[in-house]
Amino acid sequence: MRHQIAGYKLGRQKDARAGLRRTMVKQLFEHERIQTTRAKAMFIRGEAEELITLARRSGKGTDAEKVHARRLAAARLGDAVLVKKLFDEIAPRYENRNGGYTRVNKLGPRLGDSAEMVLIELVEE
């Protein structure tokens, strides 16, 4: 029984899940919308929103707090270019928003295996 066990396993080992999460969050921030399955979208949604919140809140901190926030984001993303985009372009868009930075739109079943496909995108204000 999986009582009180949070998160999605997606039929993968821990390292494969971590790699999948990192890759998909990078793609979401790079392209600002991606098409994927519903389970994978729900899997990355929380991580993406946490990173945007981290970037948004660091804008009001001291210089040391700003550097610390960028290092935390770089540890999760692993890409300096995307960290710069996250902090300089994406986070300022949501300065007056308290959450809900992503939107998931249903697209219907995939033809091959009938997996529920969705479009996850960053909300535009």
N, C-alpha and C. Protein backbone atom coordinates (compact mmCIF):
# COMPACT_ATOMS: atom_id res chain seq x y z
N MET A 1 0.83 -1.19 0.00
CA MET A 1 0.00 0.00 0.00
C MET A 1 0.87 1.25 0.00
N ARG A 2 0.42 2.28 -0.72
CA ARG A 2 1.19 3.51 -0.82
C ARG A 2 0.56 4.64 -0.01
N HIS A 3 0.10 4.34 1.17
CA HIS A 3 -0.51 5.37 2.00
C HIS A 3 0.54 6.40 2.40
N GLN A 4 0.19 7.66 2.27
CA GLN A 4 1.01 8.81 2.67
C GLN A 4 2.40 8.82 2.02
N ILE A 5 2.47 8.38 0.77
CA ILE A 5 3.71 8.44 0.01
C ILE A 5 3.49 9.41 -1.13
N ALA A 6 4.17 10.55 -1.08
CA ALA A 6 3.95 11.60 -2.07
C ALA A 6 4.86 11.41 -3.27
N GLY A 7 4.46 11.99 -4.37
CA GLY A 7 5.31 12.01 -5.55
C GLY A 7 4.97 10.94 -6.56
N TYR A 8 5.56 11.08 -7.74
CA TYR A 8 5.35 10.16 -8.84
C TYR A 8 6.62 9.35 -9.06
N LYS A 9 6.49 8.04 -9.30
CA LYS A 9 7.66 7.19 -9.57
C LYS A 9 7.90 7.04 -11.06
N LEU A 10 6.86 7.10 -11.86
CA LEU A 10 6.96 7.05 -13.32
C LEU A 10 7.66 5.79 -13.83
N GLY A 11 7.67 4.73 -13.05
CA GLY A 11 8.28 3.48 -13.49
C GLY A 11 9.77 3.56 -13.70
N ARG A 12 10.45 4.42 -12.96
CA ARG A 12 11.88 4.62 -13.12
C ARG A 12 12.60 4.51 -11.78
N GLN A 13 13.90 4.26 -11.85
CA GLN A 13 14.73 4.27 -10.65
C GLN A 13 14.96 5.72 -10.23
N LYS A 14 15.51 5.91 -9.06
CA LYS A 14 15.67 7.25 -8.50
C LYS A 14 16.54 8.15 -9.38
N ASP A 15 17.67 7.63 -9.86
CA ASP A 15 18.56 8.44 -10.69
C ASP A 15 17.91 8.83 -12.02
N ALA A 16 17.15 7.91 -12.60
CA ALA A 16 16.47 8.21 -13.86
C ALA A 16 15.38 9.26 -13.64
N ARG A 17 14.68 9.18 -12.50
CA ARG A 17 13.66 10.19 -12.19
C ARG A 17 14.30 11.56 -12.01
N ALA A 18 15.43 11.61 -11.32
CA ALA A 18 16.11 12.89 -11.09
C ALA A 18 16.57 13.49 -12.42
N GLY A 19 17.11 12.66 -13.29
CA GLY A 19 17.55 13.15 -14.60
C GLY A 19 16.39 13.63 -15.45
N LEU A 20 15.29 12.88 -15.41
CA LEU A 20 14.10 13.27 -16.16
C LEU A 20 13.56 14.60 -15.65
N ARG A 21 13.48 14.76 -14.33
CA ARG A 21 12.97 16.00 -13.74
C ARG A 21 13.85 17.18 -14.16
N ARG A 22 15.16 17.02 -14.04
CA ARG A 22 16.07 18.12 -14.38
C ARG A 22 15.94 18.48 -15.86
N THR A 23 15.91 17.50 -16.73
CA THR A 23 15.81 17.76 -18.17
C THR A 23 14.50 18.45 -18.53
N MET A 24 13.40 17.97 -17.96
CA MET A 24 12.11 18.55 -18.32
C MET A 24 11.93 19.96 -17.77
N VAL A 25 12.44 20.23 -16.57
CA VAL A 25 12.35 21.58 -16.02
C VAL A 25 13.20 22.53 -16.86
N LYS A 26 14.38 22.06 -17.29
CA LYS A 26 15.22 22.88 -18.17
C LYS A 26 14.49 23.20 -19.47
N GLN A 27 13.85 22.20 -20.06
CA GLN A 27 13.12 22.42 -21.30
C GLN A 27 11.96 23.38 -21.10
N LEU A 28 11.27 23.27 -19.97
CA LEU A 28 10.16 24.17 -19.69
C LEU A 28 10.64 25.61 -19.59
N PHE A 29 11.75 25.85 -18.91
CA PHE A 29 12.25 27.21 -18.77
C PHE A 29 12.84 27.71 -20.09
N GLU A 30 13.41 26.83 -20.88
CA GLU A 30 14.01 27.23 -22.15
C GLU A 30 12.95 27.59 -23.18
N HIS A 31 11.94 26.73 -23.33
CA HIS A 31 10.92 26.94 -24.37
C HIS A 31 9.65 27.59 -23.85
N GLU A 32 9.47 27.63 -22.54
CA GLU A 32 8.33 28.21 -21.83
C GLU A 32 7.02 27.46 -22.07
N ARG A 33 7.05 26.39 -22.80
CA ARG A 33 5.91 25.47 -22.93
C ARG A 33 6.42 24.17 -23.53
N ILE A 34 5.91 23.05 -23.00
CA ILE A 34 6.29 21.76 -23.54
C ILE A 34 5.07 20.85 -23.56
N GLN A 35 5.06 19.92 -24.48
CA GLN A 35 3.99 18.93 -24.58
C GLN A 35 4.52 17.63 -24.00
N THR A 36 3.78 17.05 -23.07
CA THR A 36 4.21 15.83 -22.41
C THR A 36 2.99 15.08 -21.88
N THR A 37 3.22 14.00 -21.17
CA THR A 37 2.10 13.27 -20.58
C THR A 37 1.67 13.98 -19.30
N ARG A 38 0.45 13.69 -18.87
CA ARG A 38 -0.08 14.33 -17.67
C ARG A 38 0.75 13.98 -16.44
N ALA A 39 1.16 12.73 -16.31
CA ALA A 39 1.93 12.31 -15.14
C ALA A 39 3.27 13.05 -15.06
N LYS A 40 3.95 13.19 -16.20
CA LYS A 40 5.23 13.90 -16.21
C LYS A 40 5.04 15.39 -15.94
N ALA A 41 3.95 15.96 -16.44
CA ALA A 41 3.68 17.38 -16.19
C ALA A 41 3.46 17.64 -14.70
N MET A 42 2.68 16.77 -14.06
CA MET A 42 2.45 16.92 -12.62
C MET A 42 3.73 16.68 -11.83
N PHE A 43 4.59 15.82 -12.37
CA PHE A 43 5.86 15.48 -11.74
C PHE A 43 6.80 16.68 -11.71
N ILE A 44 6.83 17.48 -12.77
CA ILE A 44 7.77 18.60 -12.83
C ILE A 44 7.16 19.92 -12.38
N ARG A 45 5.85 19.99 -12.27
CA ARG A 45 5.19 21.26 -11.98
C ARG A 45 5.64 21.86 -10.65
N GLY A 46 5.70 21.07 -9.62
CA GLY A 46 6.09 21.57 -8.31
C GLY A 46 7.51 22.09 -8.28
N GLU A 47 8.42 21.36 -8.91
CA GLU A 47 9.83 21.79 -8.96
C GLU A 47 9.97 23.11 -9.70
N ALA A 48 9.27 23.25 -10.83
CA ALA A 48 9.35 24.49 -11.61
C ALA A 48 8.81 25.67 -10.81
N GLU A 49 7.70 25.47 -10.13
CA GLU A 49 7.12 26.56 -9.34
C GLU A 49 8.01 26.93 -8.16
N GLU A 50 8.65 25.94 -7.54
CA GLU A 50 9.57 26.24 -6.44
C GLU A 50 10.75 27.08 -6.92
N LEU A 51 11.29 26.74 -8.09
CA LEU A 51 12.43 27.50 -8.62
C LEU A 51 12.03 28.93 -8.98
N ILE A 52 10.85 29.12 -9.53
CA ILE A 52 10.39 30.47 -9.84
C ILE A 52 10.18 31.27 -8.56
N THR A 53 9.62 30.63 -7.53
CA THR A 53 9.43 31.32 -6.25
C THR A 53 10.77 31.69 -5.64
N LEU A 54 11.74 30.79 -5.71
CA LEU A 54 13.09 31.08 -5.20
C LEU A 54 13.67 32.30 -5.90
N ALA A 55 13.56 32.33 -7.23
CA ALA A 55 14.10 33.45 -8.00
C ALA A 55 13.35 34.74 -7.71
N ARG A 56 12.04 34.64 -7.56
CA ARG A 56 11.23 35.83 -7.32
C ARG A 56 11.53 36.44 -5.96
N ARG A 57 11.66 35.61 -4.94
CA ARG A 57 11.91 36.11 -3.59
C ARG A 57 13.32 36.64 -3.41
N SER A 58 14.26 36.14 -4.19
CA SER A 58 15.65 36.57 -4.02
C SER A 58 15.85 38.02 -4.46
N GLY A 59 14.94 38.55 -5.26
CA GLY A 59 15.07 39.92 -5.74
C GLY A 59 15.07 40.96 -4.63
N LYS A 60 14.45 40.63 -3.49
CA LYS A 60 14.36 41.58 -2.38
C LYS A 60 15.42 41.32 -1.31
N GLY A 61 16.29 40.35 -1.53
CA GLY A 61 17.28 39.98 -0.52
C GLY A 61 18.57 40.77 -0.65
N THR A 62 19.48 40.48 0.25
CA THR A 62 20.81 41.11 0.20
C THR A 62 21.61 40.46 -0.92
N ASP A 63 22.80 41.00 -1.17
CA ASP A 63 23.65 40.43 -2.23
C ASP A 63 24.03 38.99 -1.93
N ALA A 64 24.31 38.69 -0.68
CA ALA A 64 24.67 37.32 -0.31
C ALA A 64 23.49 36.38 -0.52
N GLU A 65 22.28 36.83 -0.20
CA GLU A 65 21.10 36.00 -0.40
C GLU A 65 20.82 35.78 -1.88
N LYS A 66 21.09 36.79 -2.71
CA LYS A 66 20.91 36.64 -4.14
C LYS A 66 21.87 35.61 -4.73
N VAL A 67 23.11 35.65 -4.30
CA VAL A 67 24.10 34.68 -4.77
C VAL A 67 23.72 33.28 -4.30
N HIS A 68 23.29 33.18 -3.05
CA HIS A 68 22.89 31.88 -2.51
C HIS A 68 21.72 31.29 -3.30
N ALA A 69 20.73 32.12 -3.62
CA ALA A 69 19.58 31.65 -4.38
C ALA A 69 20.00 31.18 -5.78
N ARG A 70 20.90 31.91 -6.42
CA ARG A 70 21.37 31.50 -7.74
C ARG A 70 22.13 30.18 -7.67
N ARG A 71 22.89 29.98 -6.61
CA ARG A 71 23.62 28.72 -6.46
C ARG A 71 22.67 27.56 -6.20
N LEU A 72 21.61 27.79 -5.43
CA LEU A 72 20.62 26.74 -5.20
C LEU A 72 19.93 26.36 -6.52
N ALA A 73 19.59 27.36 -7.31
CA ALA A 73 18.95 27.10 -8.61
C ALA A 73 19.92 26.38 -9.55
N ALA A 74 21.18 26.78 -9.54
CA ALA A 74 22.17 26.14 -10.41
C ALA A 74 22.38 24.68 -10.01
N ALA A 75 22.28 24.38 -8.73
CA ALA A 75 22.43 23.00 -8.28
C ALA A 75 21.28 22.14 -8.81
N ARG A 76 20.10 22.70 -8.93
CA ARG A 76 18.95 21.93 -9.42
C ARG A 76 18.89 21.88 -10.94
N LEU A 77 19.28 22.98 -11.60
CA LEU A 77 19.19 23.03 -13.06
C LEU A 77 20.46 22.56 -13.75
N GLY A 78 21.61 22.89 -13.19
CA GLY A 78 22.87 22.49 -13.78
C GLY A 78 23.24 23.25 -15.03
N ASP A 79 22.68 24.43 -15.23
CA ASP A 79 22.95 25.20 -16.45
C ASP A 79 22.95 26.69 -16.10
N ALA A 80 24.10 27.34 -16.25
CA ALA A 80 24.25 28.74 -15.87
C ALA A 80 23.41 29.66 -16.75
N VAL A 81 23.26 29.33 -18.02
CA VAL A 81 22.49 30.17 -18.94
C VAL A 81 21.02 30.18 -18.52
N LEU A 82 20.48 29.01 -18.17
CA LEU A 82 19.08 28.95 -17.75
C LEU A 82 18.86 29.62 -16.40
N VAL A 83 19.86 29.55 -15.52
CA VAL A 83 19.73 30.24 -14.22
C VAL A 83 19.63 31.74 -14.45
N LYS A 84 20.45 32.25 -15.35
CA LYS A 84 20.40 33.68 -15.68
C LYS A 84 19.04 34.05 -16.26
N LYS A 85 18.51 33.22 -17.17
CA LYS A 85 17.20 33.49 -17.76
C LYS A 85 16.11 33.43 -16.70
N LEU A 86 16.20 32.46 -15.79
CA LEU A 86 15.20 32.32 -14.73
C LEU A 86 15.16 33.55 -13.85
N PHE A 87 16.32 34.03 -13.43
CA PHE A 87 16.38 35.15 -12.49
C PHE A 87 16.17 36.50 -13.17
N ASP A 88 16.59 36.65 -14.42
CA ASP A 88 16.54 37.96 -15.07
C ASP A 88 15.31 38.17 -15.95
N GLU A 89 14.74 37.09 -16.50
CA GLU A 89 13.60 37.24 -17.40
C GLU A 89 12.30 36.66 -16.85
N ILE A 90 12.37 35.44 -16.33
CA ILE A 90 11.15 34.75 -15.92
C ILE A 90 10.62 35.26 -14.58
N ALA A 91 11.46 35.33 -13.56
CA ALA A 91 11.00 35.71 -12.22
C ALA A 91 10.41 37.11 -12.15
N PRO A 92 10.98 38.13 -12.81
CA PRO A 92 10.36 39.46 -12.72
C PRO A 92 8.94 39.54 -13.26
N ARG A 93 8.57 38.63 -14.16
CA ARG A 93 7.20 38.60 -14.69
C ARG A 93 6.18 38.33 -13.59
N TYR A 94 6.59 37.57 -12.58
CA TYR A 94 5.67 37.11 -11.54
C TYR A 94 5.88 37.83 -10.21
N GLU A 95 6.39 39.04 -10.26
CA GLU A 95 6.70 39.79 -9.04
C GLU A 95 5.46 40.01 -8.17
N ASN A 96 4.31 40.20 -8.78
CA ASN A 96 3.09 40.48 -8.02
C ASN A 96 2.15 39.27 -7.95
N ARG A 97 2.67 38.09 -8.23
CA ARG A 97 1.86 36.87 -8.23
C ARG A 97 2.34 35.96 -7.11
N ASN A 98 1.41 35.39 -6.36
CA ASN A 98 1.78 34.58 -5.20
C ASN A 98 1.86 33.08 -5.49
N GLY A 99 1.83 32.69 -6.70
CA GLY A 99 1.91 31.27 -7.05
C GLY A 99 1.13 31.01 -8.31
N GLY A 100 1.09 29.76 -8.72
CA GLY A 100 0.36 29.41 -9.94
C GLY A 100 1.05 29.94 -11.16
N TYR A 101 2.34 29.65 -11.30
CA TYR A 101 3.11 30.17 -12.42
C TYR A 101 2.99 29.30 -13.66
N THR A 102 2.44 28.09 -13.51
CA THR A 102 2.32 27.19 -14.64
C THR A 102 0.86 26.86 -14.90
N ARG A 103 0.57 26.50 -16.15
CA ARG A 103 -0.77 26.11 -16.55
C ARG A 103 -0.65 24.78 -17.29
N VAL A 104 -1.60 23.87 -17.03
CA VAL A 104 -1.62 22.58 -17.71
C VAL A 104 -2.92 22.48 -18.50
N ASN A 105 -2.81 22.38 -19.82
CA ASN A 105 -3.96 22.24 -20.71
C ASN A 105 -3.99 20.83 -21.28
N LYS A 106 -5.15 20.19 -21.22
CA LYS A 106 -5.29 18.85 -21.76
C LYS A 106 -5.36 18.90 -23.28
N LEU A 107 -4.70 17.93 -23.92
CA LEU A 107 -4.69 17.86 -25.39
C LEU A 107 -5.42 16.63 -25.92
N GLY A 108 -5.69 15.67 -25.09
CA GLY A 108 -6.32 14.45 -25.54
C GLY A 108 -5.34 13.29 -25.53
N PRO A 109 -5.79 12.10 -25.87
CA PRO A 109 -4.93 10.92 -25.81
C PRO A 109 -3.91 10.88 -26.95
N ARG A 110 -2.75 10.29 -26.66
CA ARG A 110 -1.73 10.06 -27.68
C ARG A 110 -2.16 8.87 -28.52
N LEU A 111 -1.89 8.93 -29.82
CA LEU A 111 -2.37 7.89 -30.73
C LEU A 111 -1.75 6.52 -30.44
N GLY A 112 -0.50 6.46 -30.11
CA GLY A 112 0.18 5.18 -29.96
C GLY A 112 -0.29 4.36 -28.79
N ASP A 113 -0.38 4.98 -27.61
CA ASP A 113 -0.71 4.22 -26.40
C ASP A 113 -1.83 4.83 -25.58
N SER A 114 -2.50 5.83 -26.09
CA SER A 114 -3.62 6.51 -25.43
C SER A 114 -3.23 7.16 -24.11
N ALA A 115 -1.96 7.53 -23.97
CA ALA A 115 -1.53 8.28 -22.78
C ALA A 115 -2.13 9.69 -22.86
N GLU A 116 -2.57 10.20 -21.73
CA GLU A 116 -3.18 11.53 -21.71
C GLU A 116 -2.11 12.59 -21.89
N MET A 117 -2.19 13.33 -22.98
CA MET A 117 -1.19 14.35 -23.30
C MET A 117 -1.67 15.73 -22.84
N VAL A 118 -0.72 16.53 -22.37
CA VAL A 118 -1.02 17.87 -21.90
C VAL A 118 0.04 18.84 -22.42
N LEU A 119 -0.28 20.11 -22.34
CA LEU A 119 0.64 21.18 -22.65
C LEU A 119 0.87 21.93 -21.35
N ILE A 120 2.10 21.90 -20.84
CA ILE A 120 2.42 22.66 -19.63
C ILE A 120 3.19 23.90 -20.07
N GLU A 121 2.74 25.05 -19.58
CA GLU A 121 3.33 26.30 -20.01
C GLU A 121 3.40 27.28 -18.84
N LEU A 122 4.28 28.25 -18.98
CA LEU A 122 4.38 29.32 -18.00
C LEU A 122 3.26 30.32 -18.28
N VAL A 123 2.58 30.75 -17.23
CA VAL A 123 1.46 31.68 -17.36
C VAL A 123 2.00 33.05 -17.75
N GLU A 124 1.36 33.66 -18.73
CA GLU A 124 1.72 35.03 -19.13
C GLU A 124 0.80 36.01 -18.41
N GLU A 125 1.37 37.10 -17.96
CA GLU A 125 0.53 38.10 -17.28
C GLU A 125 0.29 39.28 -18.18
